[in-house]
Protein backbone atom coordinates (compact mmCIF):
# COMPACT_ATOMS: atom_id res chain seq x y z
CA MET A 1 0.00 0.00 0.00
CA PRO A 2 1.50 3.40 -0.93
CA ALA A 3 1.96 6.15 1.63
CA GLY A 4 -1.38 7.69 0.68
CA PHE A 5 -4.40 6.97 -1.47
CA TYR A 6 -6.53 9.57 -3.17
CA PHE A 7 -10.13 10.00 -4.15
CA PRO A 8 -10.85 11.52 -7.58
CA MET A 9 -11.02 15.26 -7.10
CA ASP A 10 -11.16 18.24 -9.45
CA LEU A 11 -8.70 21.00 -8.64
CA SER A 12 -9.08 24.67 -9.56
CA PHE A 13 -7.75 27.71 -7.74
CA ILE A 14 -6.06 31.04 -8.40
CA ILE A 15 -2.61 31.86 -7.07
CA SER A 16 -2.82 34.59 -4.43
CA ASP A 17 -0.14 37.19 -3.76
CA SER A 18 1.00 35.24 -0.69
CA LEU A 19 1.73 32.13 -2.80
CA ALA A 20 3.49 33.93 -5.65
CA GLY A 21 7.08 32.76 -6.14
CA LEU A 22 6.63 29.34 -4.53
CA ARG A 23 7.30 26.07 -6.34
CA LEU A 24 4.25 24.58 -8.02
CA ASP A 25 4.66 21.19 -6.31
CA LEU A 26 4.83 22.88 -2.90
CA VAL A 27 1.66 24.90 -3.58
CA VAL A 28 -0.26 21.81 -4.70
CA SER A 29 0.85 19.78 -1.65
CA GLN A 30 -0.40 22.60 0.59
CA ARG A 31 -3.78 22.76 -1.12
CA VAL A 32 -4.54 19.02 -1.36
CA ALA A 33 -5.05 17.11 1.89
CA ASP A 34 -2.72 14.13 2.43
CA CYS A 35 -0.83 14.87 -0.80
CA SER A 36 2.92 14.81 -0.30
CA ARG A 37 5.22 17.06 -2.28
CA SER A 38 6.63 14.07 -4.18
CA ARG A 39 3.12 12.93 -5.09
CA ALA A 40 2.30 16.47 -6.24
CA ALA A 41 5.45 16.51 -8.38
CA THR A 42 4.40 13.25 -10.06
CA LEU A 43 0.92 14.58 -10.83
CA ILE A 44 2.39 17.79 -12.28
CA SER A 45 4.94 15.91 -14.41
CA ASN A 46 2.18 13.62 -15.74
CA GLY A 47 0.09 16.62 -16.77
CA ASP A 48 -2.71 15.87 -14.27
CA ILE A 49 -2.19 19.33 -12.78
CA ARG A 50 -1.50 22.33 -15.03
CA VAL A 51 -0.97 26.08 -14.95
CA GLY A 52 -3.37 27.92 -17.26
CA ASN A 53 -3.99 24.56 -18.98
CA ILE A 54 -0.27 24.27 -19.76
CA THR A 55 1.90 21.51 -18.30
CA LYS A 56 4.75 22.91 -16.23
CA ARG A 57 7.69 21.47 -14.29
CA PRO A 58 7.20 20.72 -10.58
CA GLY A 59 9.79 23.40 -9.78
CA TYR A 60 7.96 26.10 -11.75
CA ARG A 61 7.62 29.30 -9.70
CA VAL A 62 3.96 30.31 -9.72
CA LYS A 63 2.80 33.87 -10.34
CA ALA A 64 -0.05 35.79 -8.73
CA GLY A 65 -3.27 35.50 -10.73
CA GLU A 66 -2.37 32.24 -12.47
CA THR A 67 -5.02 29.51 -12.46
CA ILE A 68 -4.08 26.00 -11.34
CA THR A 69 -6.36 23.31 -12.73
CA GLY A 70 -6.40 19.55 -12.92
CA ARG A 71 -7.76 16.36 -11.46
CA ILE A 72 -6.37 14.16 -8.73
CA PRO A 73 -6.87 10.62 -10.10
CA ASP A 74 -8.34 7.77 -8.10
CA ASN A 75 -5.65 5.26 -7.10
CA ARG A 76 -7.56 3.22 -4.52
CA GLU A 77 -8.09 0.14 -6.70
CA SER A 78 -5.34 -1.79 -4.93
CA PHE A 79 -6.86 -1.30 -1.48
CA ILE A 80 -10.12 -2.76 -0.21
CA PRO A 81 -10.68 -2.76 3.57
CA GLY A 82 -11.82 -5.99 5.17
CA PRO A 83 -14.29 -6.74 7.97
CA GLU A 84 -12.92 -6.64 11.52
CA SER A 85 -14.91 -7.87 14.48
CA MET A 86 -15.28 -5.12 17.09
CA GLU A 87 -17.85 -3.96 19.59
CA LEU A 88 -19.87 -1.05 18.22
CA SER A 89 -22.03 1.06 20.53
CA VAL A 90 -25.21 1.21 18.44
CA ILE A 91 -27.67 3.84 19.70
CA HIS A 92 -30.30 3.15 17.04
CA GLU A 93 -30.74 0.79 14.12
CA ASP A 94 -33.42 0.11 11.55
CA SER A 95 -33.39 -1.13 7.95
CA HIS A 96 -32.25 2.27 6.66
CA ILE A 97 -29.78 3.76 9.15
CA LEU A 98 -27.43 3.18 12.07
CA VAL A 99 -26.56 5.71 14.78
CA VAL A 100 -23.27 4.82 16.46
CA ASP A 101 -21.62 6.29 19.55
CA LYS A 102 -18.00 6.37 18.31
CA PRO A 103 -15.29 6.13 20.96
CA ALA A 104 -12.36 8.52 20.98
CA GLY A 105 -9.35 7.02 19.22
CA MET A 106 -11.33 5.34 16.42
CA VAL A 107 -10.81 6.58 12.86
CA VAL A 108 -13.99 6.69 10.78
CA HIS A 109 -12.64 5.26 7.51
CA PRO A 110 -9.27 3.98 6.27
CA ALA A 111 -6.73 6.71 5.56
CA PRO A 112 -2.94 6.94 5.39
CA GLY A 113 -1.55 5.73 8.71
CA HIS A 114 -4.86 4.12 9.73
CA MET A 115 -5.57 1.28 7.34
CA SER A 116 -7.36 -0.95 9.86
CA GLY A 117 -9.34 -0.73 13.08
CA THR A 118 -11.64 1.92 11.62
CA LEU A 119 -15.40 2.28 11.92
CA VAL A 120 -15.73 1.09 8.30
CA ASN A 121 -13.87 -2.13 9.17
CA GLY A 122 -16.29 -2.62 12.05
CA LEU A 123 -19.34 -1.91 9.87
CA LEU A 124 -18.19 -4.46 7.28
CA SER A 125 -18.17 -7.07 10.03
CA TYR A 126 -21.37 -5.85 11.71
CA SER A 127 -23.71 -6.24 8.71
CA SER A 128 -23.58 -7.77 5.25
CA CYS A 129 -25.39 -4.71 3.85
CA PHE A 130 -22.08 -2.80 3.99
CA ARG A 131 -20.36 -5.50 1.92
CA GLU A 132 -22.61 -5.00 -1.10
CA LYS A 133 -20.66 -4.18 -4.28
CA HIS A 134 -22.44 -0.88 -4.92
CA TRP A 135 -20.68 0.83 -1.99
CA ASP A 136 -17.48 2.81 -2.19
CA PRO A 137 -15.35 0.14 -0.45
CA VAL A 138 -13.40 2.69 1.60
CA ARG A 139 -16.44 4.62 2.86
CA ALA A 140 -19.26 2.10 2.95
CA GLY A 141 -22.26 3.73 4.65
CA ILE A 142 -20.35 6.82 5.81
CA VAL A 143 -22.33 10.06 5.51
CA HIS A 144 -20.21 12.38 7.67
CA ARG A 145 -17.07 12.14 9.80
CA LEU A 146 -15.68 12.86 13.23
CA ASP A 147 -12.01 13.41 14.04
CA MET A 148 -10.22 10.36 15.44
CA ASP A 149 -10.06 11.82 18.95
CA THR A 150 -13.61 13.21 18.92
CA SER A 151 -16.15 10.92 20.55
CA GLY A 152 -19.88 10.66 20.07
CA LEU A 153 -22.69 10.26 17.59
CA ILE A 154 -22.14 9.46 13.96
CA LEU A 155 -24.89 8.67 11.45
CA VAL A 156 -24.45 5.77 9.01
CA ALA A 157 -26.61 4.88 6.00
CA LYS A 158 -27.47 1.23 5.34
CA THR A 159 -28.72 1.73 1.77
CA LEU A 160 -27.61 3.85 -1.17
CA LYS A 161 -30.98 5.61 -1.17
CA SER A 162 -30.60 6.55 2.48
CA HIS A 163 -27.01 7.63 1.83
CA ALA A 164 -28.03 9.99 -0.99
CA PHE A 165 -30.87 11.48 1.10
CA LEU A 166 -28.71 12.08 4.17
CA GLN A 167 -25.85 13.55 2.16
CA LYS A 168 -28.32 16.07 0.74
CA GLU A 169 -29.63 16.85 4.24
CA PHE A 170 -26.10 17.59 5.45
CA LYS A 171 -25.35 19.69 2.38
CA GLN A 172 -28.54 21.72 2.90
CA ARG A 173 -27.66 22.09 6.62
CA ARG A 174 -30.88 20.45 7.78
CA VAL A 175 -29.03 18.14 10.18
CA LYS A 176 -28.65 19.72 13.62
CA LYS A 177 -25.42 18.88 15.43
CA LYS A 178 -24.60 19.76 19.03
CA TYR A 179 -21.32 19.07 20.78
CA LEU A 180 -19.91 19.26 24.29
CA ALA A 181 -16.44 20.77 24.66
CA LEU A 182 -14.12 21.65 27.51
CA VAL A 183 -12.23 24.83 26.64
CA GLN A 184 -9.46 26.75 28.37
CA GLY A 185 -9.76 30.36 29.49
CA ASP A 186 -10.94 32.27 32.54
CA GLU A 187 -13.00 34.81 30.56
CA VAL A 188 -15.05 32.63 28.21
CA PRO A 189 -18.22 34.55 27.18
CA GLY A 190 -21.51 33.15 28.41
CA SER A 191 -22.69 32.62 24.85
CA GLY A 192 -21.86 33.72 21.34
CA VAL A 193 -21.50 32.96 17.65
CA ILE A 194 -18.21 32.61 15.80
CA GLU A 195 -18.26 33.27 12.06
CA LEU A 196 -14.77 32.90 10.61
CA PRO A 197 -13.77 31.23 7.29
CA VAL A 198 -11.94 27.93 7.70
CA GLY A 199 -9.49 26.55 5.16
CA ARG A 200 -6.11 24.91 4.78
CA HIS A 201 -3.26 26.42 6.76
CA PRO A 202 -1.16 28.47 4.30
CA LYS A 203 2.08 26.75 5.39
CA LYS A 204 1.17 23.56 7.27
CA ARG A 205 -0.78 21.51 4.73
CA LYS A 206 -2.16 18.98 7.24
CA LEU A 207 -3.68 21.67 9.46
CA MET A 208 -6.70 23.92 9.11
CA ALA A 209 -6.83 27.59 10.04
CA VAL A 210 -8.91 30.73 9.88
CA ASN A 211 -8.09 31.63 6.28
CA GLU A 212 -9.57 34.82 4.86
CA GLU A 213 -8.19 34.16 1.35
CA THR A 214 -9.19 30.57 0.60
CA GLY A 215 -11.32 29.51 3.57
CA LYS A 216 -15.00 28.59 3.38
CA TYR A 217 -17.76 30.20 5.45
CA ALA A 218 -18.05 28.56 8.87
CA LYS A 219 -20.43 29.28 11.74
CA THR A 220 -20.30 27.97 15.31
CA GLY A 221 -22.68 28.87 18.14
CA PHE A 222 -22.01 28.19 21.82
CA ARG A 223 -23.18 28.71 25.39
CA VAL A 224 -21.55 27.95 28.73
CA LYS A 225 -23.05 25.03 30.65
CA GLU A 226 -20.59 25.07 33.55
CA ARG A 227 -17.64 27.25 34.54
CA PHE A 228 -14.34 26.29 36.13
CA LYS A 229 -11.47 28.40 37.40
CA THR A 230 -9.45 27.86 34.22
CA GLY A 231 -12.08 26.97 31.65
CA ALA A 232 -15.66 26.04 30.84
CA LEU A 233 -17.92 23.27 29.61
CA LEU A 234 -19.63 24.46 26.44
CA GLU A 235 -22.68 23.33 24.52
CA ILE A 236 -21.82 23.97 20.87
CA ARG A 237 -24.13 24.24 17.87
CA LEU A 238 -22.39 23.47 14.59
CA TYR A 239 -24.11 25.29 11.73
CA THR A 240 -21.54 24.30 9.09
CA GLY A 241 -19.30 21.26 8.96
CA ARG A 242 -15.78 22.35 8.01
CA THR A 243 -12.82 20.16 8.86
CA HIS A 244 -11.63 20.84 12.45
CA GLN A 245 -14.11 23.76 12.59
CA ILE A 246 -14.76 23.76 16.34
CA ARG A 247 -11.10 23.30 17.23
CA VAL A 248 -9.97 26.05 14.84
CA HIS A 249 -12.69 28.53 15.85
CA PHE A 250 -12.05 28.33 19.58
CA TYR A 251 -8.29 28.33 19.10
CA ALA A 252 -8.65 31.51 17.03
CA ARG A 253 -10.71 33.10 19.82
CA GLY A 254 -8.11 32.20 22.44
CA TYR A 255 -10.10 29.38 24.07
CA PRO A 256 -8.50 26.15 22.79
CA LEU A 257 -9.92 22.77 23.74
CA TYR A 258 -8.38 20.94 26.67
CA GLY A 259 -6.28 18.04 25.43
CA ASP A 260 -5.84 19.42 21.91
CA ARG A 261 -2.09 19.36 21.29
CA VAL A 262 -2.40 20.69 17.72
CA TYR A 263 -4.58 23.78 17.98
CA GLN A 264 -3.07 24.96 21.22
CA LEU A 265 -1.86 28.35 22.48
CA ARG A 266 1.92 28.53 22.60
CA ARG A 267 2.03 29.17 26.35
CA HIS A 268 0.11 25.95 27.03
CA ARG A 269 2.05 23.57 24.77
CA LYS A 270 4.66 22.66 27.36
CA GLY A 271 2.27 22.46 30.28
CA PRO A 272 0.93 19.27 31.90
CA ALA A 273 -1.69 17.32 29.95
CA ILE A 274 -4.89 17.63 32.00
CA ALA A 275 -6.95 15.71 29.43
CA PRO A 276 -6.04 12.48 27.58
CA ARG A 277 -7.32 13.78 24.23
CA GLN A 278 -9.14 16.76 22.76
CA MET A 279 -12.25 17.28 24.88
CA LEU A 280 -14.85 17.28 22.13
CA HIS A 281 -17.95 15.06 22.11
CA SER A 282 -20.68 14.77 19.46
CA TRP A 283 -23.54 14.98 21.94
CA ARG A 284 -26.83 15.40 20.08
CA LEU A 285 -27.83 14.67 16.50
CA SER A 286 -31.18 15.62 14.98
CA PHE A 287 -32.18 14.72 11.41
CA ARG A 288 -35.05 13.67 9.18
CA HIS A 289 -35.35 9.92 8.68
CA PRO A 290 -34.61 9.00 5.04
CA TYR A 291 -37.70 6.76 4.78
CA SER A 292 -40.42 8.39 6.91
CA GLY A 293 -39.25 11.99 6.91
CA ILE A 294 -39.92 12.12 10.66
CA ARG A 295 -37.32 14.09 12.62
CA PHE A 296 -35.29 11.92 14.98
CA GLN A 297 -33.02 13.11 17.78
CA PHE A 298 -30.41 11.05 19.61
CA GLU A 299 -28.05 11.83 22.47
CA ALA A 300 -24.76 10.19 23.46
CA PRO A 301 -23.91 10.20 27.18
CA MET A 302 -20.86 12.14 28.30
CA PRO A 303 -17.84 9.80 28.12
CA GLU A 304 -15.87 8.87 31.21
CA ASP A 305 -12.72 10.80 30.24
CA PHE A 306 -14.85 13.97 30.02
CA LYS A 307 -16.14 13.38 33.56
CA GLN A 308 -12.64 12.71 34.89
CA THR A 309 -11.26 15.88 33.27
CA MET A 310 -14.08 17.92 34.80
CA LYS A 311 -13.21 16.47 38.22
CA VAL A 312 -9.63 17.66 37.75
CA LEU A 313 -10.86 21.14 36.77
CA THR A 314 -13.08 21.40 39.85
CA SER A 315 -10.40 20.24 42.29
């Protein structure tokens, strides 16, 4: 298995002033998730990625205003995940959907560095419906994702029809998602709304950031449920679903999540780890059922590591 595998994806963006003068392969690796610079160089050399529809060398220095276009080809044919027996915490199941309470530490679907032990591997073992040939083998049933170290509710489709319906519901923002988070800071506002665009970090390609140039609109609402001397327990309403949105938004506001060692204020990075992982939990999920159209709501209990971290904060 190569270092990474890629889903087919169209690529089109304009070089900003801040990117002008950089190598083309470096720019592409920054813009495409999990794409190494060597992989980017190969795609450029093969003509899969072009500048103004002209094939350039990987070392070509891009200019402001130039348009980068192309298509990342699908190279997953050599990898098909297999079923793995594991205990899944199923909150609800019927012939159309599953609602699973995902534990922290579980990756949702196979990705570079996590080719087994994922929720997809568990689903393939749990039910034969996920082994049908019509599924994308890497994402069978998956409608949305949670970060590896985020716990809580995740919705899974058991049929292609349900999958298409739920994907549309997420896209139209009809699915209501609420999270619990433990954040740092002794002056966290009682409630508020954060509206900041989220996109790829301009220099660290594996990270997200508030990015005014290339970021997408993102909206997060919150209110304090409980205060501590050095932080607060928040109930968070996620209006949009950008990658790492909650972590990036609260980091940008100066209230990073306890246990998050990536989006963390510099002064806290060398301090003791109060929490074993980022304190973020997908708490409530409300959506229309793909068959009946009736709105369902489910809630996942607060995990034990959340409770233990709160005990530390109150001591």
